[in-house]
Amino acid sequence: MDLKLIGSTFLVIFLAELGDKTQLATLSLAAQSGKKWSIFLGASSALIATSLIGALLGGTLGHLIRPEYVRLGAGLLFMALGILMILGKL
């Protein structure tokens, strides 16, 4: 295991997730239900599942497509989703 890579991945994902829709949804669910530990376990499980999918898909794509193209495609997809959100389509 590469501890430096684990640490940098944690930092990037942690900072990216602060204040995003996932955190706000978790906050809202915990406030509504009052069951913070159940919400924590459900949200954590969901984030682990989506991270697993991303890591597996990224690892597979990295072997099939040049990493530069994967990075470009991810960036373009991110921009397209942002534009759709601004336009109220998402």
C-alpha atoms as a PDB file:
ATOM      1  CA  MET A   1       0.000   0.000   0.000  1.00  0.00           C
ATOM      2  CA  ASP A   2       1.165   3.482  -0.835  1.00  0.00           C
ATOM      3  CA  LEU A   3       0.508   5.579   2.300  1.00  0.00           C
ATOM      4  CA  LYS A   4       1.387   8.830   0.526  1.00  0.00           C
ATOM      5  CA  LEU A   5      -1.199   8.090  -2.187  1.00  0.00           C
ATOM      6  CA  ILE A   6      -3.784   7.129   0.450  1.00  0.00           C
ATOM      7  CA  GLY A   7      -3.153  10.388   2.318  1.00  0.00           C
ATOM      8  CA  SER A   8      -3.308  12.595  -0.768  1.00  0.00           C
ATOM      9  CA  THR A   9      -6.465  10.827  -1.985  1.00  0.00           C
ATOM     10  CA  PHE A  10      -8.081  11.309   1.426  1.00  0.00           C
ATOM     11  CA  LEU A  11      -7.205  15.016   1.451  1.00  0.00           C
ATOM     12  CA  VAL A  12      -8.465  15.666  -2.092  1.00  0.00           C
ATOM     13  CA  ILE A  13     -11.742  13.779  -1.578  1.00  0.00           C
ATOM     14  CA  PHE A  14     -12.279  15.222   1.914  1.00  0.00           C
ATOM     15  CA  LEU A  15     -11.871  18.796   0.676  1.00  0.00           C
ATOM     16  CA  ALA A  16     -14.006  18.132  -2.413  1.00  0.00           C
ATOM     17  CA  GLU A  17     -16.840  16.714  -0.297  1.00  0.00           C
ATOM     18  CA  LEU A  18     -16.972  19.560   2.242  1.00  0.00           C
ATOM     19  CA  GLY A  19     -20.175  21.510   1.738  1.00  0.00           C
ATOM     20  CA  ASP A  20     -21.303  19.559  -1.318  1.00  0.00           C
ATOM     21  CA  LYS A  21     -24.780  18.147  -1.965  1.00  0.00           C
ATOM     22  CA  THR A  22     -23.932  14.855  -0.269  1.00  0.00           C
ATOM     23  CA  GLN A  23     -22.914  16.529   2.969  1.00  0.00           C
ATOM     24  CA  LEU A  24     -25.941  18.820   2.911  1.00  0.00           C
ATOM     25  CA  ALA A  25     -28.276  15.879   2.254  1.00  0.00           C
ATOM     26  CA  THR A  26     -26.694  13.955   5.125  1.00  0.00           C
ATOM     27  CA  LEU A  27     -27.050  16.971   7.407  1.00  0.00           C
ATOM     28  CA  SER A  28     -30.700  17.364   6.420  1.00  0.00           C
ATOM     29  CA  LEU A  29     -31.509  13.679   6.935  1.00  0.00           C
ATOM     30  CA  ALA A  30     -29.824  13.659  10.344  1.00  0.00           C
ATOM     31  CA  ALA A  31     -31.687  16.801  11.383  1.00  0.00           C
ATOM     32  CA  GLN A  32     -35.044  15.367  10.267  1.00  0.00           C
ATOM     33  CA  SER A  33     -34.651  11.913  11.759  1.00  0.00           C
ATOM     34  CA  GLY A  34     -32.604  12.731  14.832  1.00  0.00           C
ATOM     35  CA  LYS A  35     -30.823   9.400  14.308  1.00  0.00           C
ATOM     36  CA  LYS A  36     -27.328  10.621  13.489  1.00  0.00           C
ATOM     37  CA  TRP A  37     -25.606   7.220  13.741  1.00  0.00           C
ATOM     38  CA  SER A  38     -28.050   5.515  11.374  1.00  0.00           C
ATOM     39  CA  ILE A  39     -27.621   8.363   8.898  1.00  0.00           C
ATOM     40  CA  PHE A  40     -23.841   8.198   9.321  1.00  0.00           C
ATOM     41  CA  LEU A  41     -23.770   4.467   8.609  1.00  0.00           C
ATOM     42  CA  GLY A  42     -26.074   4.786   5.586  1.00  0.00           C
ATOM     43  CA  ALA A  43     -24.190   7.748   4.122  1.00  0.00           C
ATOM     44  CA  SER A  44     -20.803   6.135   4.780  1.00  0.00           C
ATOM     45  CA  SER A  45     -21.913   2.920   3.099  1.00  0.00           C
ATOM     46  CA  ALA A  46     -23.134   4.861   0.072  1.00  0.00           C
ATOM     47  CA  LEU A  47     -19.857   6.790  -0.212  1.00  0.00           C
ATOM     48  CA  ILE A  48     -17.850   3.584   0.107  1.00  0.00           C
ATOM     49  CA  ALA A  49     -19.956   1.937  -2.625  1.00  0.00           C
ATOM     50  CA  THR A  50     -19.620   4.876  -5.027  1.00  0.00           C
ATOM     51  CA  SER A  51     -15.882   5.135  -4.302  1.00  0.00           C
ATOM     52  CA  LEU A  52     -15.480   1.420  -5.035  1.00  0.00           C
ATOM     53  CA  ILE A  53     -17.288   1.821  -8.345  1.00  0.00           C
ATOM     54  CA  GLY A  54     -15.123   4.833  -9.217  1.00  0.00           C
ATOM     55  CA  ALA A  55     -11.876   3.083  -8.293  1.00  0.00           C
ATOM     56  CA  LEU A  56     -12.755  -0.096 -10.195  1.00  0.00           C
ATOM     57  CA  LEU A  57     -13.973   1.802 -13.249  1.00  0.00           C
ATOM     58  CA  GLY A  58     -10.978   4.138 -13.147  1.00  0.00           C
ATOM     59  CA  GLY A  59      -8.571   1.222 -12.864  1.00  0.00           C
ATOM     60  CA  THR A  60     -10.210  -0.509 -15.801  1.00  0.00           C
ATOM     61  CA  LEU A  61     -10.336   2.627 -17.943  1.00  0.00           C
ATOM     62  CA  GLY A  62      -6.706   3.325 -17.093  1.00  0.00           C
ATOM     63  CA  HIS A  63      -5.741   0.065 -18.765  1.00  0.00           C
ATOM     64  CA  LEU A  64      -7.984   0.551 -21.805  1.00  0.00           C
ATOM     65  CA  ILE A  65      -7.650   4.282 -22.465  1.00  0.00           C
ATOM     66  CA  ARG A  66      -4.691   6.629 -22.044  1.00  0.00           C
ATOM     67  CA  PRO A  67      -4.921   8.438 -18.665  1.00  0.00           C
ATOM     68  CA  GLU A  68      -4.870  11.832 -20.408  1.00  0.00           C
ATOM     69  CA  TYR A  69      -8.083  10.940 -22.238  1.00  0.00           C
ATOM     70  CA  VAL A  70      -9.730   9.681 -19.051  1.00  0.00           C
ATOM     71  CA  ARG A  71      -8.820  12.954 -17.308  1.00  0.00           C
ATOM     72  CA  LEU A  72     -10.085  15.016 -20.264  1.00  0.00           C
ATOM     73  CA  GLY A  73     -13.334  13.034 -20.444  1.00  0.00           C
ATOM     74  CA  ALA A  74     -13.925  13.390 -16.706  1.00  0.00           C
ATOM     75  CA  GLY A  75     -13.281  17.125 -16.897  1.00  0.00           C
ATOM     76  CA  LEU A  76     -15.656  17.572 -19.822  1.00  0.00           C
ATOM     77  CA  LEU A  77     -18.340  15.507 -18.084  1.00  0.00           C
ATOM     78  CA  PHE A  78     -17.917  17.579 -14.919  1.00  0.00           C
ATOM     79  CA  MET A  79     -18.272  20.812 -16.927  1.00  0.00           C
ATOM     80  CA  ALA A  80     -21.343  19.486 -18.787  1.00  0.00           C
ATOM     81  CA  LEU A  81     -23.026  18.537 -15.511  1.00  0.00           C
ATOM     82  CA  GLY A  82     -22.226  21.970 -14.086  1.00  0.00           C
ATOM     83  CA  ILE A  83     -23.777  23.691 -17.098  1.00  0.00           C
ATOM     84  CA  LEU A  84     -26.876  21.491 -16.848  1.00  0.00           C
ATOM     85  CA  MET A  85     -27.187  22.355 -13.159  1.00  0.00           C
ATOM     86  CA  ILE A  86     -26.868  26.077 -13.885  1.00  0.00           C
ATOM     87  CA  LEU A  87     -29.560  25.794 -16.558  1.00  0.00           C
ATOM     88  CA  GLY A  88     -31.830  23.922 -14.130  1.00  0.00           C
ATOM     89  CA  LYS A  89     -31.845  20.712 -16.182  1.00  0.00           C
ATOM     90  CA  LEU A  90     -30.570  18.601 -13.255  1.00  0.00           C
END
